[in-house]
Amino acid sequence: MIDTLTAVVTLLAEEPRNTGPEFGKATPLGLLITVALLIGTFALVWSMNRHLRKLPESFDREHPEPDQAADEGTVEGDPDRADGHQGQPREPGSG
């Protein structure tokens, strides 16, 4: 603990090494990139929230009415099969 404290005090007491005339300056391009990234992040969050508001509160299999309203219909048939294919399952590798 004392060694860590001594190291921190020593580092804080030293003069800065990179103190040329250009030290600490940033270009307007950096600001432009930062603002563009912030605008892009805001747009993505806004879009995601719009899409999440369209989803139903729950996805109950017993009462699919809210699901059907959100996706214009639910495939009927075996609930474990999303493709709606009726019949025998195919053998693996049969294409």
PDB file of N, CA and C in Angstrom:
ATOM      1  N   MET A   1       0.829  -1.184   0.000  1.00  0.00           N
ATOM      2  CA  MET A   1       0.000   0.000   0.000  1.00  0.00           C
ATOM      3  C   MET A   1       0.876   1.251   0.000  1.00  0.00           C
ATOM      4  N   ILE A   2       1.889   1.246   0.819  1.00  0.00           N
ATOM      5  CA  ILE A   2       2.774   2.412   0.883  1.00  0.00           C
ATOM      6  C   ILE A   2       3.562   2.550  -0.413  1.00  0.00           C
ATOM      7  N   ASP A   3       3.963   1.413  -1.021  1.00  0.00           N
ATOM      8  CA  ASP A   3       4.685   1.470  -2.289  1.00  0.00           C
ATOM      9  C   ASP A   3       3.811   2.075  -3.391  1.00  0.00           C
ATOM     10  N   THR A   4       2.537   1.713  -3.417  1.00  0.00           N
ATOM     11  CA  THR A   4       1.621   2.258  -4.411  1.00  0.00           C
ATOM     12  C   THR A   4       1.442   3.752  -4.215  1.00  0.00           C
ATOM     13  N   LEU A   5       1.288   4.165  -2.968  1.00  0.00           N
ATOM     14  CA  LEU A   5       1.132   5.580  -2.665  1.00  0.00           C
ATOM     15  C   LEU A   5       2.377   6.365  -3.058  1.00  0.00           C
ATOM     16  N   THR A   6       3.541   5.807  -2.790  1.00  0.00           N
ATOM     17  CA  THR A   6       4.800   6.465  -3.158  1.00  0.00           C
ATOM     18  C   THR A   6       4.906   6.589  -4.680  1.00  0.00           C
ATOM     19  N   ALA A   7       4.507   5.556  -5.415  1.00  0.00           N
ATOM     20  CA  ALA A   7       4.574   5.595  -6.872  1.00  0.00           C
ATOM     21  C   ALA A   7       3.621   6.643  -7.433  1.00  0.00           C
ATOM     22  N   VAL A   8       2.427   6.746  -6.881  1.00  0.00           N
ATOM     23  CA  VAL A   8       1.457   7.729  -7.350  1.00  0.00           C
ATOM     24  C   VAL A   8       1.958   9.141  -7.087  1.00  0.00           C
ATOM     25  N   VAL A   9       2.496   9.390  -5.905  1.00  0.00           N
ATOM     26  CA  VAL A   9       3.005  10.721  -5.573  1.00  0.00           C
ATOM     27  C   VAL A   9       4.179  11.075  -6.472  1.00  0.00           C
ATOM     28  N   THR A  10       5.055  10.126  -6.759  1.00  0.00           N
ATOM     29  CA  THR A  10       6.206  10.379  -7.630  1.00  0.00           C
ATOM     30  C   THR A  10       5.743  10.718  -9.038  1.00  0.00           C
ATOM     31  N   LEU A  11       4.758   9.981  -9.577  1.00  0.00           N
ATOM     32  CA  LEU A  11       4.256  10.260 -10.926  1.00  0.00           C
ATOM     33  C   LEU A  11       3.551  11.612 -11.005  1.00  0.00           C
ATOM     34  N   LEU A  12       2.837  11.981  -9.956  1.00  0.00           N
ATOM     35  CA  LEU A  12       2.149  13.262  -9.964  1.00  0.00           C
ATOM     36  C   LEU A  12       3.122  14.438  -9.832  1.00  0.00           C
ATOM     37  N   ALA A  13       4.253  14.220  -9.181  1.00  0.00           N
ATOM     38  CA  ALA A  13       5.213  15.299  -8.968  1.00  0.00           C
ATOM     39  C   ALA A  13       6.079  15.554 -10.199  1.00  0.00           C
ATOM     40  N   GLU A  14       6.158  14.604 -11.121  1.00  0.00           N
ATOM     41  CA  GLU A  14       7.002  14.771 -12.312  1.00  0.00           C
ATOM     42  C   GLU A  14       6.392  15.796 -13.262  1.00  0.00           C
ATOM     43  N   GLU A  15       7.260  16.455 -14.013  1.00  0.00           N
ATOM     44  CA  GLU A  15       6.830  17.383 -15.052  1.00  0.00           C
ATOM     45  C   GLU A  15       6.287  16.583 -16.241  1.00  0.00           C
ATOM     46  N   PRO A  16       5.324  17.111 -16.979  1.00  0.00           N
ATOM     47  CA  PRO A  16       4.839  16.414 -18.178  1.00  0.00           C
ATOM     48  C   PRO A  16       5.955  16.279 -19.204  1.00  0.00           C
ATOM     49  N   ARG A  17       5.992  15.139 -19.877  1.00  0.00           N
ATOM     50  CA  ARG A  17       7.080  14.866 -20.820  1.00  0.00           C
ATOM     51  C   ARG A  17       6.782  15.425 -22.211  1.00  0.00           C
ATOM     52  N   ASN A  18       5.562  15.349 -22.663  1.00  0.00           N
ATOM     53  CA  ASN A  18       5.206  15.755 -24.021  1.00  0.00           C
ATOM     54  C   ASN A  18       4.555  17.142 -24.003  1.00  0.00           C
ATOM     55  N   THR A  19       5.337  18.150 -23.799  1.00  0.00           N
ATOM     56  CA  THR A  19       4.773  19.497 -23.721  1.00  0.00           C
ATOM     57  C   THR A  19       5.314  20.367 -24.835  1.00  0.00           C
ATOM     58  N   GLY A  20       5.107  19.951 -26.060  1.00  0.00           N
ATOM     59  CA  GLY A  20       5.500  20.754 -27.206  1.00  0.00           C
ATOM     60  C   GLY A  20       4.398  21.744 -27.542  1.00  0.00           C
ATOM     61  N   PRO A  21       4.584  22.514 -28.582  1.00  0.00           N
ATOM     62  CA  PRO A  21       3.567  23.508 -28.937  1.00  0.00           C
ATOM     63  C   PRO A  21       2.254  22.881 -29.429  1.00  0.00           C
ATOM     64  N   GLU A  22       2.279  21.631 -29.871  1.00  0.00           N
ATOM     65  CA  GLU A  22       1.085  20.966 -30.377  1.00  0.00           C
ATOM     66  C   GLU A  22       0.451  20.035 -29.340  1.00  0.00           C
ATOM     67  N   PHE A  23       0.954  20.015 -28.116  1.00  0.00           N
ATOM     68  CA  PHE A  23       0.459  19.090 -27.092  1.00  0.00           C
ATOM     69  C   PHE A  23      -0.955  19.488 -26.657  1.00  0.00           C
ATOM     70  N   GLY A  24      -1.881  18.538 -26.702  1.00  0.00           N
ATOM     71  CA  GLY A  24      -3.235  18.754 -26.219  1.00  0.00           C
ATOM     72  C   GLY A  24      -4.183  19.391 -27.211  1.00  0.00           C
ATOM     73  N   LYS A  25      -3.756  19.602 -28.423  1.00  0.00           N
ATOM     74  CA  LYS A  25      -4.628  20.215 -29.413  1.00  0.00           C
ATOM     75  C   LYS A  25      -5.352  19.119 -30.204  1.00  0.00           C
ATOM     76  N   ALA A  26      -6.565  19.401 -30.573  1.00  0.00           N
ATOM     77  CA  ALA A  26      -7.337  18.459 -31.380  1.00  0.00           C
ATOM     78  C   ALA A  26      -7.803  19.178 -32.646  1.00  0.00           C
ATOM     79  N   THR A  27      -8.090  18.414 -33.657  1.00  0.00           N
ATOM     80  CA  THR A  27      -8.526  19.004 -34.916  1.00  0.00           C
ATOM     81  C   THR A  27     -10.047  19.076 -34.952  1.00  0.00           C
ATOM     82  N   PRO A  28     -10.599  19.941 -35.779  1.00  0.00           N
ATOM     83  CA  PRO A  28     -12.061  19.967 -35.943  1.00  0.00           C
ATOM     84  C   PRO A  28     -12.604  18.659 -36.517  1.00  0.00           C
ATOM     85  N   LEU A  29     -11.758  17.904 -37.216  1.00  0.00           N
ATOM     86  CA  LEU A  29     -12.192  16.622 -37.754  1.00  0.00           C
ATOM     87  C   LEU A  29     -12.552  15.658 -36.620  1.00  0.00           C
ATOM     88  N   GLY A  30     -11.799  15.694 -35.533  1.00  0.00           N
ATOM     89  CA  GLY A  30     -12.110  14.837 -34.383  1.00  0.00           C
ATOM     90  C   GLY A  30     -13.461  15.170 -33.782  1.00  0.00           C
ATOM     91  N   LEU A  31     -13.772  16.455 -33.699  1.00  0.00           N
ATOM     92  CA  LEU A  31     -15.079  16.874 -33.200  1.00  0.00           C
ATOM     93  C   LEU A  31     -16.189  16.423 -34.147  1.00  0.00           C
ATOM     94  N   LEU A  32     -15.944  16.561 -35.432  1.00  0.00           N
ATOM     95  CA  LEU A  32     -16.933  16.147 -36.425  1.00  0.00           C
ATOM     96  C   LEU A  32     -17.215  14.644 -36.329  1.00  0.00           C
ATOM     97  N   ILE A  33     -16.176  13.851 -36.179  1.00  0.00           N
ATOM     98  CA  ILE A  33     -16.346  12.391 -36.061  1.00  0.00           C
ATOM     99  C   ILE A  33     -17.114  12.056 -34.788  1.00  0.00           C
ATOM    100  N   THR A  34     -16.778  12.714 -33.680  1.00  0.00           N
ATOM    101  CA  THR A  34     -17.464  12.452 -32.415  1.00  0.00           C
ATOM    102  C   THR A  34     -18.944  12.810 -32.511  1.00  0.00           C
ATOM    103  N   VAL A  35     -19.256  13.950 -33.097  1.00  0.00           N
ATOM    104  CA  VAL A  35     -20.655  14.357 -33.240  1.00  0.00           C
ATOM    105  C   VAL A  35     -21.398  13.400 -34.166  1.00  0.00           C
ATOM    106  N   ALA A  36     -20.753  12.969 -35.254  1.00  0.00           N
ATOM    107  CA  ALA A  36     -21.396  12.023 -36.169  1.00  0.00           C
ATOM    108  C   ALA A  36     -21.686  10.694 -35.472  1.00  0.00           C
ATOM    109  N   LEU A  37     -20.761  10.218 -34.653  1.00  0.00           N
ATOM    110  CA  LEU A  37     -20.999   8.972 -33.919  1.00  0.00           C
ATOM    111  C   LEU A  37     -22.130   9.130 -32.905  1.00  0.00           C
ATOM    112  N   LEU A  38     -22.202  10.270 -32.244  1.00  0.00           N
ATOM    113  CA  LEU A  38     -23.284  10.501 -31.294  1.00  0.00           C
ATOM    114  C   LEU A  38     -24.640  10.570 -31.998  1.00  0.00           C
ATOM    115  N   ILE A  39     -24.699  11.220 -33.147  1.00  0.00           N
ATOM    116  CA  ILE A  39     -25.949  11.294 -33.907  1.00  0.00           C
ATOM    117  C   ILE A  39     -26.352   9.903 -34.388  1.00  0.00           C
ATOM    118  N   GLY A  40     -25.398   9.118 -34.866  1.00  0.00           N
ATOM    119  CA  GLY A  40     -25.693   7.751 -35.312  1.00  0.00           C
ATOM    120  C   GLY A  40     -26.203   6.881 -34.174  1.00  0.00           C
ATOM    121  N   THR A  41     -25.588   6.998 -33.005  1.00  0.00           N
ATOM    122  CA  THR A  41     -26.034   6.229 -31.843  1.00  0.00           C
ATOM    123  C   THR A  41     -27.448   6.630 -31.444  1.00  0.00           C
ATOM    124  N   PHE A  42     -27.716   7.933 -31.425  1.00  0.00           N
ATOM    125  CA  PHE A  42     -29.063   8.413 -31.093  1.00  0.00           C
ATOM    126  C   PHE A  42     -30.090   7.866 -32.080  1.00  0.00           C
ATOM    127  N   ALA A  43     -29.752   7.878 -33.371  1.00  0.00           N
ATOM    128  CA  ALA A  43     -30.689   7.397 -34.390  1.00  0.00           C
ATOM    129  C   ALA A  43     -30.963   5.899 -34.228  1.00  0.00           C
ATOM    130  N   LEU A  44     -29.937   5.128 -33.925  1.00  0.00           N
ATOM    131  CA  LEU A  44     -30.140   3.684 -33.737  1.00  0.00           C
ATOM    132  C   LEU A  44     -31.004   3.387 -32.517  1.00  0.00           C
ATOM    133  N   VAL A  45     -30.772   4.087 -31.415  1.00  0.00           N
ATOM    134  CA  VAL A  45     -31.579   3.869 -30.209  1.00  0.00           C
ATOM    135  C   VAL A  45     -33.025   4.283 -30.461  1.00  0.00           C
ATOM    136  N   TRP A  46     -33.228   5.394 -31.151  1.00  0.00           N
ATOM    137  CA  TRP A  46     -34.578   5.858 -31.459  1.00  0.00           C
ATOM    138  C   TRP A  46     -35.312   4.839 -32.328  1.00  0.00           C
ATOM    139  N   SER A  47     -34.631   4.311 -33.342  1.00  0.00           N
ATOM    140  CA  SER A  47     -35.240   3.324 -34.231  1.00  0.00           C
ATOM    141  C   SER A  47     -35.560   2.037 -33.481  1.00  0.00           C
ATOM    142  N   MET A  48     -34.645   1.596 -32.623  1.00  0.00           N
ATOM    143  CA  MET A  48     -34.878   0.370 -31.861  1.00  0.00           C
ATOM    144  C   MET A  48     -36.096   0.533 -30.953  1.00  0.00           C
ATOM    145  N   ASN A  49     -36.225   1.686 -30.313  1.00  0.00           N
ATOM    146  CA  ASN A  49     -37.378   1.912 -29.441  1.00  0.00           C
ATOM    147  C   ASN A  49     -38.674   1.919 -30.230  1.00  0.00           C
ATOM    148  N   ARG A  50     -38.671   2.475 -31.442  1.00  0.00           N
ATOM    149  CA  ARG A  50     -39.874   2.450 -32.278  1.00  0.00           C
ATOM    150  C   ARG A  50     -40.276   1.016 -32.597  1.00  0.00           C
ATOM    151  N   HIS A  51     -39.315   0.174 -32.924  1.00  0.00           N
ATOM    152  CA  HIS A  51     -39.621  -1.220 -33.261  1.00  0.00           C
ATOM    153  C   HIS A  51     -40.057  -2.005 -32.028  1.00  0.00           C
ATOM    154  N   LEU A  52     -39.470  -1.730 -30.885  1.00  0.00           N
ATOM    155  CA  LEU A  52     -39.848  -2.456 -29.672  1.00  0.00           C
ATOM    156  C   LEU A  52     -41.259  -2.095 -29.217  1.00  0.00           C
ATOM    157  N   ARG A  53     -41.713  -0.872 -29.478  1.00  0.00           N
ATOM    158  CA  ARG A  53     -43.073  -0.491 -29.119  1.00  0.00           C
ATOM    159  C   ARG A  53     -44.109  -1.257 -29.935  1.00  0.00           C
ATOM    160  N   LYS A  54     -43.742  -1.730 -31.116  1.00  0.00           N
ATOM    161  CA  LYS A  54     -44.681  -2.461 -31.976  1.00  0.00           C
ATOM    162  C   LYS A  54     -44.869  -3.910 -31.542  1.00  0.00           C
ATOM    163  N   LEU A  55     -43.975  -4.432 -30.710  1.00  0.00           N
ATOM    164  CA  LEU A  55     -44.079  -5.826 -30.279  1.00  0.00           C
ATOM    165  C   LEU A  55     -45.184  -5.999 -29.252  1.00  0.00           C
ATOM    166  N   PRO A  56     -45.807  -7.183 -29.226  1.00  0.00           N
ATOM    167  CA  PRO A  56     -46.815  -7.428 -28.192  1.00  0.00           C
ATOM    168  C   PRO A  56     -46.153  -7.574 -26.829  1.00  0.00           C
ATOM    169  N   GLU A  57     -46.970  -7.447 -25.780  1.00  0.00           N
ATOM    170  CA  GLU A  57     -46.436  -7.534 -24.415  1.00  0.00           C
ATOM    171  C   GLU A  57     -45.885  -8.931 -24.111  1.00  0.00           C
ATOM    172  N   SER A  58     -46.531  -9.980 -24.653  1.00  0.00           N
ATOM    173  CA  SER A  58     -46.055 -11.345 -24.424  1.00  0.00           C
ATOM    174  C   SER A  58     -46.348 -12.177 -25.670  1.00  0.00           C
ATOM    175  N   PHE A  59     -45.696 -13.315 -25.745  1.00  0.00           N
ATOM    176  CA  PHE A  59     -45.863 -14.228 -26.871  1.00  0.00           C
ATOM    177  C   PHE A  59     -46.480 -15.530 -26.352  1.00  0.00           C
ATOM    178  N   ASP A  60     -47.770 -15.473 -25.986  1.00  0.00           N
ATOM    179  CA  ASP A  60     -48.456 -16.646 -25.463  1.00  0.00           C
ATOM    180  C   ASP A  60     -48.926 -17.516 -26.612  1.00  0.00           C
ATOM    181  N   ARG A  61     -48.708 -18.825 -26.476  1.00  0.00           N
ATOM    182  CA  ARG A  61     -49.191 -19.758 -27.495  1.00  0.00           C
ATOM    183  C   ARG A  61     -50.698 -19.983 -27.369  1.00  0.00           C
ATOM    184  N   GLU A  62     -51.235 -19.830 -26.143  1.00  0.00           N
ATOM    185  CA  GLU A  62     -52.659 -20.048 -25.945  1.00  0.00           C
ATOM    186  C   GLU A  62     -53.488 -18.904 -26.531  1.00  0.00           C
ATOM    187  N   HIS A  63     -52.959 -17.686 -26.508  1.00  0.00           N
ATOM    188  CA  HIS A  63     -53.682 -16.512 -27.009  1.00  0.00           C
ATOM    189  C   HIS A  63     -52.793 -15.776 -28.009  1.00  0.00           C
ATOM    190  N   PRO A  64     -52.765 -16.222 -29.260  1.00  0.00           N
ATOM    191  CA  PRO A  64     -51.854 -15.610 -30.241  1.00  0.00           C
ATOM    192  C   PRO A  64     -52.391 -14.347 -30.909  1.00  0.00           C
ATOM    193  N   GLU A  65     -53.519 -13.799 -30.441  1.00  0.00           N
ATOM    194  CA  GLU A  65     -54.099 -12.638 -31.107  1.00  0.00           C
ATOM    195  C   GLU A  65     -53.135 -11.443 -31.165  1.00  0.00           C
ATOM    196  N   PRO A  66     -52.454 -11.068 -30.062  1.00  0.00           N
ATOM    197  CA  PRO A  66     -51.519  -9.938 -30.172  1.00  0.00           C
ATOM    198  C   PRO A  66     -50.365 -10.230 -31.126  1.00  0.00           C
ATOM    199  N   ASP A  67     -49.921 -11.496 -31.172  1.00  0.00           N
ATOM    200  CA  ASP A  67     -48.854 -11.859 -32.106  1.00  0.00           C
ATOM    201  C   ASP A  67     -49.323 -11.689 -33.541  1.00  0.00           C
ATOM    202  N   GLN A  68     -50.551 -12.118 -33.818  1.00  0.00           N
ATOM    203  CA  GLN A  68     -51.074 -12.024 -35.175  1.00  0.00           C
ATOM    204  C   GLN A  68     -51.250 -10.578 -35.589  1.00  0.00           C
ATOM    205  N   ALA A  69     -51.593  -9.722 -34.665  1.00  0.00           N
ATOM    206  CA  ALA A  69     -51.745  -8.306 -35.000  1.00  0.00           C
ATOM    207  C   ALA A  69     -50.390  -7.684 -35.320  1.00  0.00           C
ATOM    208  N   ALA A  70     -49.330  -8.171 -34.683  1.00  0.00           N
ATOM    209  CA  ALA A  70     -48.000  -7.597 -34.894  1.00  0.00           C
ATOM    210  C   ALA A  70     -47.342  -8.112 -36.166  1.00  0.00           C
ATOM    211  N   ASP A  71     -47.592  -9.384 -36.531  1.00  0.00           N
ATOM    212  CA  ASP A  71     -46.898  -9.931 -37.701  1.00  0.00           C
ATOM    213  C   ASP A  71     -47.844 -10.357 -38.820  1.00  0.00           C
ATOM    214  N   GLU A  72     -49.062  -9.875 -38.805  1.00  0.00           N
ATOM    215  CA  GLU A  72     -50.045 -10.151 -39.853  1.00  0.00           C
ATOM    216  C   GLU A  72     -50.347 -11.633 -40.006  1.00  0.00           C
ATOM    217  N   GLY A  73     -50.349 -12.363 -38.911  1.00  0.00           N
ATOM    218  CA  GLY A  73     -50.722 -13.767 -38.966  1.00  0.00           C
ATOM    219  C   GLY A  73     -49.641 -14.679 -38.432  1.00  0.00           C
ATOM    220  N   THR A  74     -50.077 -15.761 -37.830  1.00  0.00           N
ATOM    221  CA  THR A  74     -49.167 -16.758 -37.292  1.00  0.00           C
ATOM    222  C   THR A  74     -49.357 -18.041 -38.070  1.00  0.00           C
ATOM    223  N   VAL A  75     -48.282 -18.725 -38.365  1.00  0.00           N
ATOM    224  CA  VAL A  75     -48.365 -19.990 -39.095  1.00  0.00           C
ATOM    225  C   VAL A  75     -49.035 -21.007 -38.193  1.00  0.00           C
ATOM    226  N   GLU A  76     -50.092 -21.633 -38.697  1.00  0.00           N
ATOM    227  CA  GLU A  76     -50.789 -22.634 -37.903  1.00  0.00           C
ATOM    228  C   GLU A  76     -50.188 -24.001 -38.156  1.00  0.00           C
ATOM    229  N   GLY A  77     -50.357 -24.882 -37.222  1.00  0.00           N
ATOM    230  CA  GLY A  77     -49.810 -26.222 -37.354  1.00  0.00           C
ATOM    231  C   GLY A  77     -49.012 -26.579 -36.108  1.00  0.00           C
ATOM    232  N   ASP A  78     -47.987 -27.371 -36.297  1.00  0.00           N
ATOM    233  CA  ASP A  78     -47.150 -27.801 -35.195  1.00  0.00           C
ATOM    234  C   ASP A  78     -46.428 -26.594 -34.604  1.00  0.00           C
ATOM    235  N   PRO A  79     -46.605 -26.307 -33.291  1.00  0.00           N
ATOM    236  CA  PRO A  79     -45.973 -25.130 -32.723  1.00  0.00           C
ATOM    237  C   PRO A  79     -44.453 -25.223 -32.688  1.00  0.00           C
ATOM    238  N   ASP A  80     -43.907 -26.417 -32.779  1.00  0.00           N
ATOM    239  CA  ASP A  80     -42.453 -26.567 -32.772  1.00  0.00           C
ATOM    240  C   ASP A  80     -41.840 -26.332 -34.143  1.00  0.00           C
ATOM    241  N   ARG A  81     -42.659 -26.299 -35.188  1.00  0.00           N
ATOM    242  CA  ARG A  81     -42.147 -26.115 -36.547  1.00  0.00           C
ATOM    243  C   ARG A  81     -42.519 -24.727 -37.023  1.00  0.00           C
ATOM    244  N   ALA A  82     -41.527 -23.902 -37.253  1.00  0.00           N
ATOM    245  CA  ALA A  82     -41.779 -22.524 -37.672  1.00  0.00           C
ATOM    246  C   ALA A  82     -42.098 -22.432 -39.158  1.00  0.00           C
ATOM    247  N   ASP A  83     -41.710 -23.455 -39.957  1.00  0.00           N
ATOM    248  CA  ASP A  83     -41.922 -23.359 -41.402  1.00  0.00           C
ATOM    249  C   ASP A  83     -43.324 -23.797 -41.825  1.00  0.00           C
ATOM    250  N   GLY A  84     -44.135 -24.321 -40.887  1.00  0.00           N
ATOM    251  CA  GLY A  84     -45.502 -24.701 -41.206  1.00  0.00           C
ATOM    252  C   GLY A  84     -45.609 -25.988 -41.997  1.00  0.00           C
ATOM    253  N   HIS A  85     -44.530 -26.732 -42.204  1.00  0.00           N
ATOM    254  CA  HIS A  85     -44.534 -27.955 -42.990  1.00  0.00           C
ATOM    255  C   HIS A  85     -45.222 -29.060 -42.197  1.00  0.00           C
ATOM    256  N   GLN A  86     -46.227 -29.691 -42.811  1.00  0.00           N
ATOM    257  CA  GLN A  86     -46.924 -30.795 -42.175  1.00  0.00           C
ATOM    258  C   GLN A  86     -46.391 -32.103 -42.745  1.00  0.00           C
ATOM    259  N   GLY A  87     -46.318 -33.125 -41.933  1.00  0.00           N
ATOM    260  CA  GLY A  87     -45.891 -34.430 -42.416  1.00  0.00           C
ATOM    261  C   GLY A  87     -44.719 -34.960 -41.613  1.00  0.00           C
ATOM    262  N   GLN A  88     -44.089 -35.999 -42.184  1.00  0.00           N
ATOM    263  CA  GLN A  88     -42.979 -36.639 -41.501  1.00  0.00           C
ATOM    264  C   GLN A  88     -41.718 -35.785 -41.593  1.00  0.00           C
ATOM    265  N   PRO A  89     -40.932 -35.763 -40.526  1.00  0.00           N
ATOM    266  CA  PRO A  89     -39.661 -35.045 -40.606  1.00  0.00           C
ATOM    267  C   PRO A  89     -38.705 -35.747 -41.537  1.00  0.00           C
ATOM    268  N   ARG A  90     -37.891 -34.984 -42.233  1.00  0.00           N
ATOM    269  CA  ARG A  90     -36.920 -35.558 -43.158  1.00  0.00           C
ATOM    270  C   ARG A  90     -35.711 -36.093 -42.408  1.00  0.00           C
ATOM    271  N   GLU A  91     -35.049 -37.025 -43.061  1.00  0.00           N
ATOM    272  CA  GLU A  91     -33.809 -37.565 -42.516  1.00  0.00           C
ATOM    273  C   GLU A  91     -32.687 -36.548 -42.697  1.00  0.00           C
ATOM    274  N   PRO A  92     -31.748 -36.494 -41.773  1.00  0.00           N
ATOM    275  CA  PRO A  92     -30.627 -35.547 -41.932  1.00  0.00           C
ATOM    276  C   PRO A  92     -29.843 -35.856 -43.207  1.00  0.00           C
ATOM    277  N   GLY A  93     -29.510 -34.829 -43.935  1.00  0.00           N
ATOM    278  CA  GLY A  93     -28.709 -34.965 -45.138  1.00  0.00           C
ATOM    279  C   GLY A  93     -29.516 -35.309 -46.386  1.00  0.00           C
ATOM    280  N   SER A  94     -30.853 -35.380 -46.278  1.00  0.00           N
ATOM    281  CA  SER A  94     -31.637 -35.745 -47.461  1.00  0.00           C
ATOM    282  C   SER A  94     -31.947 -34.543 -48.338  1.00  0.00           C
ATOM    283  N   GLY A  95     -31.560 -33.335 -47.891  1.00  0.00           N
ATOM    284  CA  GLY A  95     -31.675 -32.134 -48.724  1.00  0.00           C
ATOM    285  C   GLY A  95     -33.033 -31.664 -48.788  1.00  0.00           C
TER     286      GLY A  95
END
